[in-house]
Amino acid sequence: MSQLARESKVKDLVEKQKFNQKEIIEMTDPQIEYYHWLYFEDSAYDYM
């Protein structure tokens, strides 16, 4: 993941107040991508 993409996803997670800054800094890129997907990305199943 690019640094810009990581910063954007970290910012979204901090603003959503799901994690504090210290927790997110310690996460790996795949963990950040997972939590961003979990909280921000819509699924087709959300609309069924």
C-alpha atoms as a PDB file:
ATOM      1  CA  MET A   1       0.000   0.000   0.000  1.00  0.00           C
ATOM      2  CA  SER A   2       1.331   3.433  -0.811  1.00  0.00           C
ATOM      3  CA  GLN A   3       2.063   5.869   1.993  1.00  0.00           C
ATOM      4  CA  LEU A   4      -0.658   8.202   0.725  1.00  0.00           C
ATOM      5  CA  ALA A   5      -3.267   5.421   0.738  1.00  0.00           C
ATOM      6  CA  ARG A   6      -2.187   4.345   4.229  1.00  0.00           C
ATOM      7  CA  GLU A   7      -2.420   7.911   5.579  1.00  0.00           C
ATOM      8  CA  SER A   8      -5.884   8.330   4.084  1.00  0.00           C
ATOM      9  CA  LYS A   9      -7.166   5.094   5.621  1.00  0.00           C
ATOM     10  CA  VAL A  10      -5.570   5.872   8.981  1.00  0.00           C
ATOM     11  CA  LYS A  11      -7.216   9.303   8.964  1.00  0.00           C
ATOM     12  CA  ASP A  12     -10.626   7.755   8.242  1.00  0.00           C
ATOM     13  CA  LEU A  13     -10.269   5.245  11.077  1.00  0.00           C
ATOM     14  CA  VAL A  14      -9.139   7.890  13.573  1.00  0.00           C
ATOM     15  CA  GLU A  15     -12.018  10.205  12.592  1.00  0.00           C
ATOM     16  CA  LYS A  16     -14.496   7.357  12.987  1.00  0.00           C
ATOM     17  CA  GLN A  17     -13.036   6.932  16.507  1.00  0.00           C
ATOM     18  CA  LYS A  18     -12.686   3.182  16.138  1.00  0.00           C
ATOM     19  CA  PHE A  19      -9.020   3.216  17.133  1.00  0.00           C
ATOM     20  CA  ASN A  20      -6.633   5.659  18.699  1.00  0.00           C
ATOM     21  CA  GLN A  21      -3.552   6.887  16.862  1.00  0.00           C
ATOM     22  CA  LYS A  22      -1.160   4.646  18.833  1.00  0.00           C
ATOM     23  CA  GLU A  23      -3.097   1.471  17.976  1.00  0.00           C
ATOM     24  CA  ILE A  24      -3.173   2.305  14.279  1.00  0.00           C
ATOM     25  CA  ILE A  25       0.532   3.147  14.078  1.00  0.00           C
ATOM     26  CA  GLU A  26       1.321  -0.351  15.357  1.00  0.00           C
ATOM     27  CA  MET A  27      -0.905  -2.051  12.740  1.00  0.00           C
ATOM     28  CA  THR A  28       0.401  -3.620   9.552  1.00  0.00           C
ATOM     29  CA  ASP A  29      -0.839  -2.524   6.129  1.00  0.00           C
ATOM     30  CA  PRO A  30      -3.136  -5.563   5.768  1.00  0.00           C
ATOM     31  CA  GLN A  31      -4.692  -4.844   9.172  1.00  0.00           C
ATOM     32  CA  ILE A  32      -5.387  -1.225   8.212  1.00  0.00           C
ATOM     33  CA  GLU A  33      -6.875  -2.319   4.888  1.00  0.00           C
ATOM     34  CA  TYR A  34      -9.094  -4.860   6.666  1.00  0.00           C
ATOM     35  CA  TYR A  35     -10.463  -2.421   9.237  1.00  0.00           C
ATOM     36  CA  HIS A  36     -11.000   0.264   6.605  1.00  0.00           C
ATOM     37  CA  TRP A  37     -12.907  -2.262   4.497  1.00  0.00           C
ATOM     38  CA  LEU A  38     -14.893  -3.385   7.557  1.00  0.00           C
ATOM     39  CA  TYR A  39     -16.038   0.104   8.540  1.00  0.00           C
ATOM     40  CA  PHE A  40     -16.161   2.041   5.269  1.00  0.00           C
ATOM     41  CA  GLU A  41     -16.743  -0.166   2.248  1.00  0.00           C
ATOM     42  CA  ASP A  42     -20.247  -1.183   1.251  1.00  0.00           C
ATOM     43  CA  SER A  43     -20.986  -4.727   0.271  1.00  0.00           C
ATOM     44  CA  ALA A  44     -23.658  -5.935  -2.122  1.00  0.00           C
ATOM     45  CA  TYR A  45     -25.050  -7.870   0.838  1.00  0.00           C
ATOM     46  CA  ASP A  46     -25.687  -4.594   2.692  1.00  0.00           C
ATOM     47  CA  TYR A  47     -28.425  -3.832   0.197  1.00  0.00           C
ATOM     48  CA  MET A  48     -30.188  -7.199   0.219  1.00  0.00           C
END
